[in-house]
Amino acid sequence: MTVVVDDDLWSAVGDPTRRRMLDLLLSGGAGTATSLSEQLPVTRQAVSKHLGVLDRVGLVHATPSGREKRYHVDDEQFARAIAQLSAVGAAWDARLHRIKRIAETIQRTQDDEAQDRER
């Protein structure tokens, strides 16, 4: 099973600060660089750069709000990210199940050989 993964998307959410920002935007509905920086241990400028990364991959979108931009999570792109993560998880579950079956076969073979030597 081959899973197509959007590397840019996962690079964007690979950063813990950006994941925390997504959490804040999801729980609050929307936010500005200023409002997010008040809840994070980084500067407003750093938040702006992180929002730019999330915007480039389509996870957030900005609308003008006075002198700032108000960011909100793009539900469709977020759903796509979740679907990719689920597909990757399913692929790894299948791989791990196969590895388990191989290990069990090896163990049975070794057990059978040990019993044969005892006879």
N, C-alpha and C. Protein backbone atom coordinates (compact mmCIF):
# COMPACT_ATOMS: atom_id res chain seq x y z
N MET A 1 0.85 -1.17 0.00
CA MET A 1 0.00 0.00 0.00
C MET A 1 0.89 1.24 0.00
N THR A 2 0.76 2.07 -1.01
CA THR A 2 1.52 3.30 -1.10
C THR A 2 0.63 4.46 -0.72
N VAL A 3 1.13 5.30 0.16
CA VAL A 3 0.39 6.46 0.61
C VAL A 3 1.10 7.70 0.09
N VAL A 4 0.35 8.56 -0.58
CA VAL A 4 0.91 9.81 -1.06
C VAL A 4 0.88 10.81 0.08
N VAL A 5 2.05 11.35 0.40
CA VAL A 5 2.16 12.28 1.51
C VAL A 5 2.64 13.63 0.97
N ASP A 6 1.98 14.67 1.40
CA ASP A 6 2.36 16.03 1.03
C ASP A 6 3.46 16.47 1.99
N ASP A 7 4.72 16.38 1.52
CA ASP A 7 5.86 16.69 2.39
C ASP A 7 5.84 18.12 2.90
N ASP A 8 5.41 19.07 2.08
CA ASP A 8 5.36 20.46 2.53
C ASP A 8 4.37 20.62 3.67
N LEU A 9 3.23 19.97 3.53
CA LEU A 9 2.21 20.02 4.58
C LEU A 9 2.76 19.46 5.89
N TRP A 10 3.41 18.28 5.81
CA TRP A 10 3.90 17.66 7.03
C TRP A 10 5.12 18.35 7.58
N SER A 11 5.90 19.00 6.74
CA SER A 11 7.00 19.83 7.25
C SER A 11 6.42 21.00 8.04
N ALA A 12 5.33 21.56 7.53
CA ALA A 12 4.70 22.70 8.21
C ALA A 12 4.17 22.30 9.58
N VAL A 13 3.52 21.15 9.68
CA VAL A 13 2.95 20.75 10.97
C VAL A 13 3.95 19.98 11.83
N GLY A 14 5.16 19.78 11.31
CA GLY A 14 6.20 19.11 12.08
C GLY A 14 6.76 19.98 13.19
N ASP A 15 6.52 21.28 13.10
CA ASP A 15 7.04 22.20 14.09
C ASP A 15 6.07 22.30 15.28
N PRO A 16 6.56 22.12 16.52
CA PRO A 16 5.66 22.14 17.68
C PRO A 16 4.95 23.49 17.87
N THR A 17 5.61 24.58 17.55
CA THR A 17 4.96 25.89 17.69
C THR A 17 3.80 26.02 16.72
N ARG A 18 3.99 25.56 15.48
CA ARG A 18 2.91 25.64 14.51
C ARG A 18 1.75 24.72 14.90
N ARG A 19 2.06 23.54 15.46
CA ARG A 19 0.98 22.67 15.93
C ARG A 19 0.20 23.34 17.06
N ARG A 20 0.90 23.99 17.95
CA ARG A 20 0.22 24.69 19.05
C ARG A 20 -0.64 25.83 18.49
N MET A 21 -0.13 26.52 17.47
CA MET A 21 -0.90 27.59 16.85
C MET A 21 -2.18 27.03 16.23
N LEU A 22 -2.08 25.90 15.56
CA LEU A 22 -3.27 25.27 14.99
C LEU A 22 -4.26 24.91 16.09
N ASP A 23 -3.75 24.37 17.19
CA ASP A 23 -4.64 24.06 18.32
C ASP A 23 -5.37 25.32 18.79
N LEU A 24 -4.63 26.42 18.93
CA LEU A 24 -5.24 27.67 19.40
C LEU A 24 -6.28 28.18 18.41
N LEU A 25 -5.95 28.10 17.12
CA LEU A 25 -6.90 28.57 16.10
C LEU A 25 -8.14 27.66 16.06
N LEU A 26 -7.95 26.38 16.22
CA LEU A 26 -9.09 25.47 16.21
C LEU A 26 -9.99 25.69 17.42
N SER A 27 -9.39 25.91 18.57
CA SER A 27 -10.21 26.11 19.77
C SER A 27 -10.83 27.50 19.82
N GLY A 28 -10.12 28.50 19.27
CA GLY A 28 -10.64 29.86 19.33
C GLY A 28 -11.40 30.29 18.09
N GLY A 29 -11.32 29.51 17.05
CA GLY A 29 -12.02 29.86 15.81
C GLY A 29 -11.20 30.70 14.87
N ALA A 30 -10.43 31.64 15.42
CA ALA A 30 -9.58 32.50 14.60
C ALA A 30 -8.66 33.27 15.53
N GLY A 31 -7.66 33.91 14.96
CA GLY A 31 -6.74 34.70 15.77
C GLY A 31 -5.81 35.52 14.90
N THR A 32 -5.22 36.50 15.52
CA THR A 32 -4.23 37.35 14.84
C THR A 32 -2.84 36.97 15.34
N ALA A 33 -1.82 37.46 14.68
CA ALA A 33 -0.45 37.21 15.13
C ALA A 33 -0.28 37.73 16.56
N THR A 34 -0.87 38.87 16.84
CA THR A 34 -0.76 39.45 18.18
C THR A 34 -1.45 38.58 19.22
N SER A 35 -2.70 38.18 18.95
CA SER A 35 -3.44 37.38 19.94
C SER A 35 -2.77 36.02 20.15
N LEU A 36 -2.21 35.44 19.10
CA LEU A 36 -1.53 34.15 19.24
C LEU A 36 -0.22 34.30 19.99
N SER A 37 0.51 35.38 19.74
CA SER A 37 1.80 35.57 20.42
C SER A 37 1.61 35.76 21.92
N GLU A 38 0.45 36.25 22.32
CA GLU A 38 0.17 36.41 23.75
C GLU A 38 -0.02 35.06 24.44
N GLN A 39 -0.26 34.02 23.67
CA GLN A 39 -0.50 32.69 24.23
C GLN A 39 0.66 31.72 23.99
N LEU A 40 1.70 32.22 23.33
CA LEU A 40 2.83 31.36 22.97
C LEU A 40 4.14 31.97 23.47
N PRO A 41 5.15 31.15 23.67
CA PRO A 41 6.44 31.66 24.15
C PRO A 41 7.34 32.18 23.03
N VAL A 42 6.74 32.79 22.01
CA VAL A 42 7.50 33.35 20.89
C VAL A 42 6.98 34.76 20.60
N THR A 43 7.78 35.52 19.87
CA THR A 43 7.41 36.90 19.56
C THR A 43 6.32 36.96 18.50
N ARG A 44 5.72 38.12 18.38
CA ARG A 44 4.71 38.34 17.35
C ARG A 44 5.31 38.12 15.96
N GLN A 45 6.55 38.56 15.77
CA GLN A 45 7.22 38.39 14.48
C GLN A 45 7.41 36.91 14.15
N ALA A 46 7.78 36.12 15.16
CA ALA A 46 7.93 34.68 14.94
C ALA A 46 6.59 34.05 14.61
N VAL A 47 5.54 34.47 15.31
CA VAL A 47 4.20 33.96 15.03
C VAL A 47 3.81 34.29 13.59
N SER A 48 4.10 35.51 13.15
CA SER A 48 3.79 35.91 11.77
C SER A 48 4.49 35.00 10.76
N LYS A 49 5.75 34.68 11.02
CA LYS A 49 6.49 33.79 10.11
C LYS A 49 5.87 32.39 10.11
N HIS A 50 5.52 31.89 11.28
CA HIS A 50 4.89 30.57 11.36
C HIS A 50 3.54 30.56 10.64
N LEU A 51 2.78 31.63 10.81
CA LEU A 51 1.49 31.73 10.10
C LEU A 51 1.69 31.75 8.59
N GLY A 52 2.76 32.40 8.15
CA GLY A 52 3.08 32.42 6.72
C GLY A 52 3.33 31.02 6.18
N VAL A 53 4.03 30.20 6.96
CA VAL A 53 4.28 28.81 6.55
C VAL A 53 2.97 28.04 6.46
N LEU A 54 2.13 28.18 7.50
CA LEU A 54 0.84 27.48 7.50
C LEU A 54 -0.06 27.97 6.37
N ASP A 55 0.03 29.24 6.05
CA ASP A 55 -0.76 29.81 4.95
C ASP A 55 -0.29 29.26 3.60
N ARG A 56 1.02 29.15 3.42
CA ARG A 56 1.55 28.65 2.14
C ARG A 56 1.11 27.22 1.83
N VAL A 57 0.93 26.40 2.88
CA VAL A 57 0.49 25.02 2.64
C VAL A 57 -1.03 24.90 2.69
N GLY A 58 -1.70 26.02 2.93
CA GLY A 58 -3.16 26.04 2.87
C GLY A 58 -3.88 25.65 4.15
N LEU A 59 -3.14 25.45 5.24
CA LEU A 59 -3.80 25.06 6.49
C LEU A 59 -4.54 26.21 7.15
N VAL A 60 -4.09 27.44 6.91
CA VAL A 60 -4.78 28.61 7.43
C VAL A 60 -4.98 29.60 6.31
N HIS A 61 -5.96 30.47 6.50
CA HIS A 61 -6.21 31.56 5.56
C HIS A 61 -6.39 32.83 6.36
N ALA A 62 -6.00 33.93 5.76
CA ALA A 62 -6.07 35.22 6.45
C ALA A 62 -7.11 36.12 5.80
N THR A 63 -7.78 36.88 6.65
CA THR A 63 -8.67 37.93 6.17
C THR A 63 -8.26 39.21 6.88
N PRO A 64 -8.29 40.35 6.18
CA PRO A 64 -7.91 41.61 6.82
C PRO A 64 -8.83 41.92 8.00
N SER A 65 -8.21 42.42 9.06
CA SER A 65 -8.96 42.80 10.25
C SER A 65 -8.28 44.03 10.83
N GLY A 66 -8.69 45.19 10.36
CA GLY A 66 -8.02 46.42 10.79
C GLY A 66 -6.60 46.45 10.27
N ARG A 67 -5.66 46.67 11.16
CA ARG A 67 -4.25 46.73 10.77
C ARG A 67 -3.60 45.35 10.73
N GLU A 68 -4.32 44.32 11.16
CA GLU A 68 -3.77 42.97 11.18
C GLU A 68 -4.57 42.05 10.28
N LYS A 69 -4.08 40.83 10.20
CA LYS A 69 -4.80 39.77 9.49
C LYS A 69 -5.36 38.82 10.54
N ARG A 70 -6.56 38.36 10.29
CA ARG A 70 -7.20 37.38 11.17
C ARG A 70 -7.10 36.02 10.47
N TYR A 71 -6.50 35.06 11.16
CA TYR A 71 -6.26 33.74 10.59
C TYR A 71 -7.28 32.74 11.12
N HIS A 72 -7.68 31.84 10.23
CA HIS A 72 -8.54 30.73 10.63
C HIS A 72 -8.07 29.48 9.89
N VAL A 73 -8.37 28.33 10.48
CA VAL A 73 -7.97 27.05 9.90
C VAL A 73 -8.86 26.75 8.71
N ASP A 74 -8.25 26.29 7.62
CA ASP A 74 -9.00 25.85 6.45
C ASP A 74 -9.47 24.42 6.71
N ASP A 75 -10.76 24.26 6.93
CA ASP A 75 -11.31 22.95 7.31
C ASP A 75 -11.02 21.87 6.27
N GLU A 76 -11.11 22.23 5.01
CA GLU A 76 -10.90 21.23 3.94
C GLU A 76 -9.45 20.75 3.92
N GLN A 77 -8.52 21.67 4.01
CA GLN A 77 -7.10 21.28 4.00
C GLN A 77 -6.74 20.54 5.29
N PHE A 78 -7.33 20.94 6.39
CA PHE A 78 -7.08 20.26 7.65
C PHE A 78 -7.61 18.82 7.58
N ALA A 79 -8.79 18.64 6.98
CA ALA A 79 -9.35 17.30 6.80
C ALA A 79 -8.45 16.46 5.90
N ARG A 80 -7.87 17.09 4.87
CA ARG A 80 -6.93 16.37 3.99
C ARG A 80 -5.70 15.92 4.78
N ALA A 81 -5.20 16.77 5.66
CA ALA A 81 -4.05 16.42 6.48
C ALA A 81 -4.38 15.25 7.40
N ILE A 82 -5.56 15.28 7.99
CA ILE A 82 -5.98 14.19 8.87
C ILE A 82 -6.12 12.89 8.08
N ALA A 83 -6.67 12.98 6.88
CA ALA A 83 -6.82 11.78 6.04
C ALA A 83 -5.46 11.20 5.68
N GLN A 84 -4.49 12.08 5.37
CA GLN A 84 -3.14 11.60 5.07
C GLN A 84 -2.54 10.90 6.28
N LEU A 85 -2.69 11.50 7.45
CA LEU A 85 -2.15 10.91 8.66
C LEU A 85 -2.79 9.55 8.93
N SER A 86 -4.08 9.46 8.74
CA SER A 86 -4.78 8.18 8.92
C SER A 86 -4.28 7.13 7.94
N ALA A 87 -4.06 7.54 6.69
CA ALA A 87 -3.57 6.61 5.68
C ALA A 87 -2.15 6.14 6.02
N VAL A 88 -1.32 7.05 6.48
CA VAL A 88 0.04 6.68 6.88
C VAL A 88 -0.02 5.71 8.06
N GLY A 89 -0.89 6.00 9.02
CA GLY A 89 -1.05 5.11 10.18
C GLY A 89 -1.50 3.73 9.76
N ALA A 90 -2.46 3.66 8.84
CA ALA A 90 -2.95 2.36 8.37
C ALA A 90 -1.85 1.59 7.64
N ALA A 91 -1.05 2.29 6.84
CA ALA A 91 0.04 1.64 6.12
C ALA A 91 1.07 1.08 7.11
N TRP A 92 1.38 1.84 8.15
CA TRP A 92 2.34 1.35 9.14
C TRP A 92 1.75 0.21 9.96
N ASP A 93 0.46 0.27 10.25
CA ASP A 93 -0.18 -0.86 10.95
C ASP A 93 -0.04 -2.14 10.13
N ALA A 94 -0.26 -2.04 8.82
CA ALA A 94 -0.12 -3.21 7.95
C ALA A 94 1.31 -3.72 7.93
N ARG A 95 2.28 -2.80 7.86
CA ARG A 95 3.69 -3.20 7.87
C ARG A 95 4.05 -3.90 9.18
N LEU A 96 3.62 -3.32 10.29
CA LEU A 96 3.93 -3.90 11.59
C LEU A 96 3.27 -5.26 11.77
N HIS A 97 2.06 -5.42 11.24
CA HIS A 97 1.38 -6.72 11.30
C HIS A 97 2.17 -7.76 10.52
N ARG A 98 2.68 -7.36 9.37
CA ARG A 98 3.49 -8.29 8.55
C ARG A 98 4.78 -8.66 9.28
N ILE A 99 5.43 -7.67 9.89
CA ILE A 99 6.65 -7.94 10.65
C ILE A 99 6.36 -8.91 11.80
N LYS A 100 5.23 -8.72 12.46
CA LYS A 100 4.84 -9.60 13.56
C LYS A 100 4.66 -11.03 13.06
N ARG A 101 3.98 -11.19 11.92
CA ARG A 101 3.78 -12.54 11.36
C ARG A 101 5.13 -13.19 11.02
N ILE A 102 6.05 -12.43 10.45
CA ILE A 102 7.37 -12.97 10.11
C ILE A 102 8.10 -13.39 11.37
N ALA A 103 8.06 -12.53 12.40
CA ALA A 103 8.74 -12.86 13.67
C ALA A 103 8.14 -14.11 14.31
N GLU A 104 6.82 -14.24 14.25
CA GLU A 104 6.17 -15.43 14.81
C GLU A 104 6.57 -16.69 14.04
N THR A 105 6.68 -16.57 12.72
CA THR A 105 7.11 -17.72 11.91
C THR A 105 8.53 -18.11 12.26
N ILE A 106 9.40 -17.14 12.42
CA ILE A 106 10.79 -17.42 12.79
C ILE A 106 10.83 -18.09 14.16
N GLN A 107 10.05 -17.57 15.10
CA GLN A 107 10.03 -18.14 16.46
C GLN A 107 9.53 -19.58 16.43
N ARG A 108 8.47 -19.84 15.67
CA ARG A 108 7.95 -21.22 15.57
C ARG A 108 9.01 -22.15 14.99
N THR A 109 9.72 -21.69 13.96
CA THR A 109 10.77 -22.50 13.34
C THR A 109 11.87 -22.80 14.35
N GLN A 110 12.28 -21.79 15.11
CA GLN A 110 13.32 -22.00 16.12
C GLN A 110 12.83 -22.95 17.21
N ASP A 111 11.58 -22.81 17.63
CA ASP A 111 11.02 -23.71 18.65
C ASP A 111 10.98 -25.15 18.13
N ASP A 112 10.55 -25.32 16.87
CA ASP A 112 10.50 -26.66 16.28
C ASP A 112 11.90 -27.27 16.20
N GLU A 113 12.89 -26.47 15.81
CA GLU A 113 14.27 -26.98 15.73
C GLU A 113 14.79 -27.36 17.10
N ALA A 114 14.45 -26.56 18.12
CA ALA A 114 14.89 -26.88 19.49
C ALA A 114 14.25 -28.18 19.96
N GLN A 115 12.97 -28.40 19.65
CA GLN A 115 12.31 -29.64 20.03
C GLN A 115 12.91 -30.82 19.31
N ASP A 116 13.26 -30.64 18.03
CA ASP A 116 13.87 -31.72 17.27
C ASP A 116 15.22 -32.11 17.87
N ARG A 117 15.98 -31.13 18.35
CA ARG A 117 17.30 -31.42 18.93
C ARG A 117 17.16 -32.17 20.26
N GLU A 118 16.07 -31.89 20.98
CA GLU A 118 15.84 -32.55 22.26
C GLU A 118 15.46 -34.02 22.10
N ARG A 119 14.96 -34.39 20.96
CA ARG A 119 14.51 -35.79 20.73
C ARG A 119 15.64 -36.68 20.40
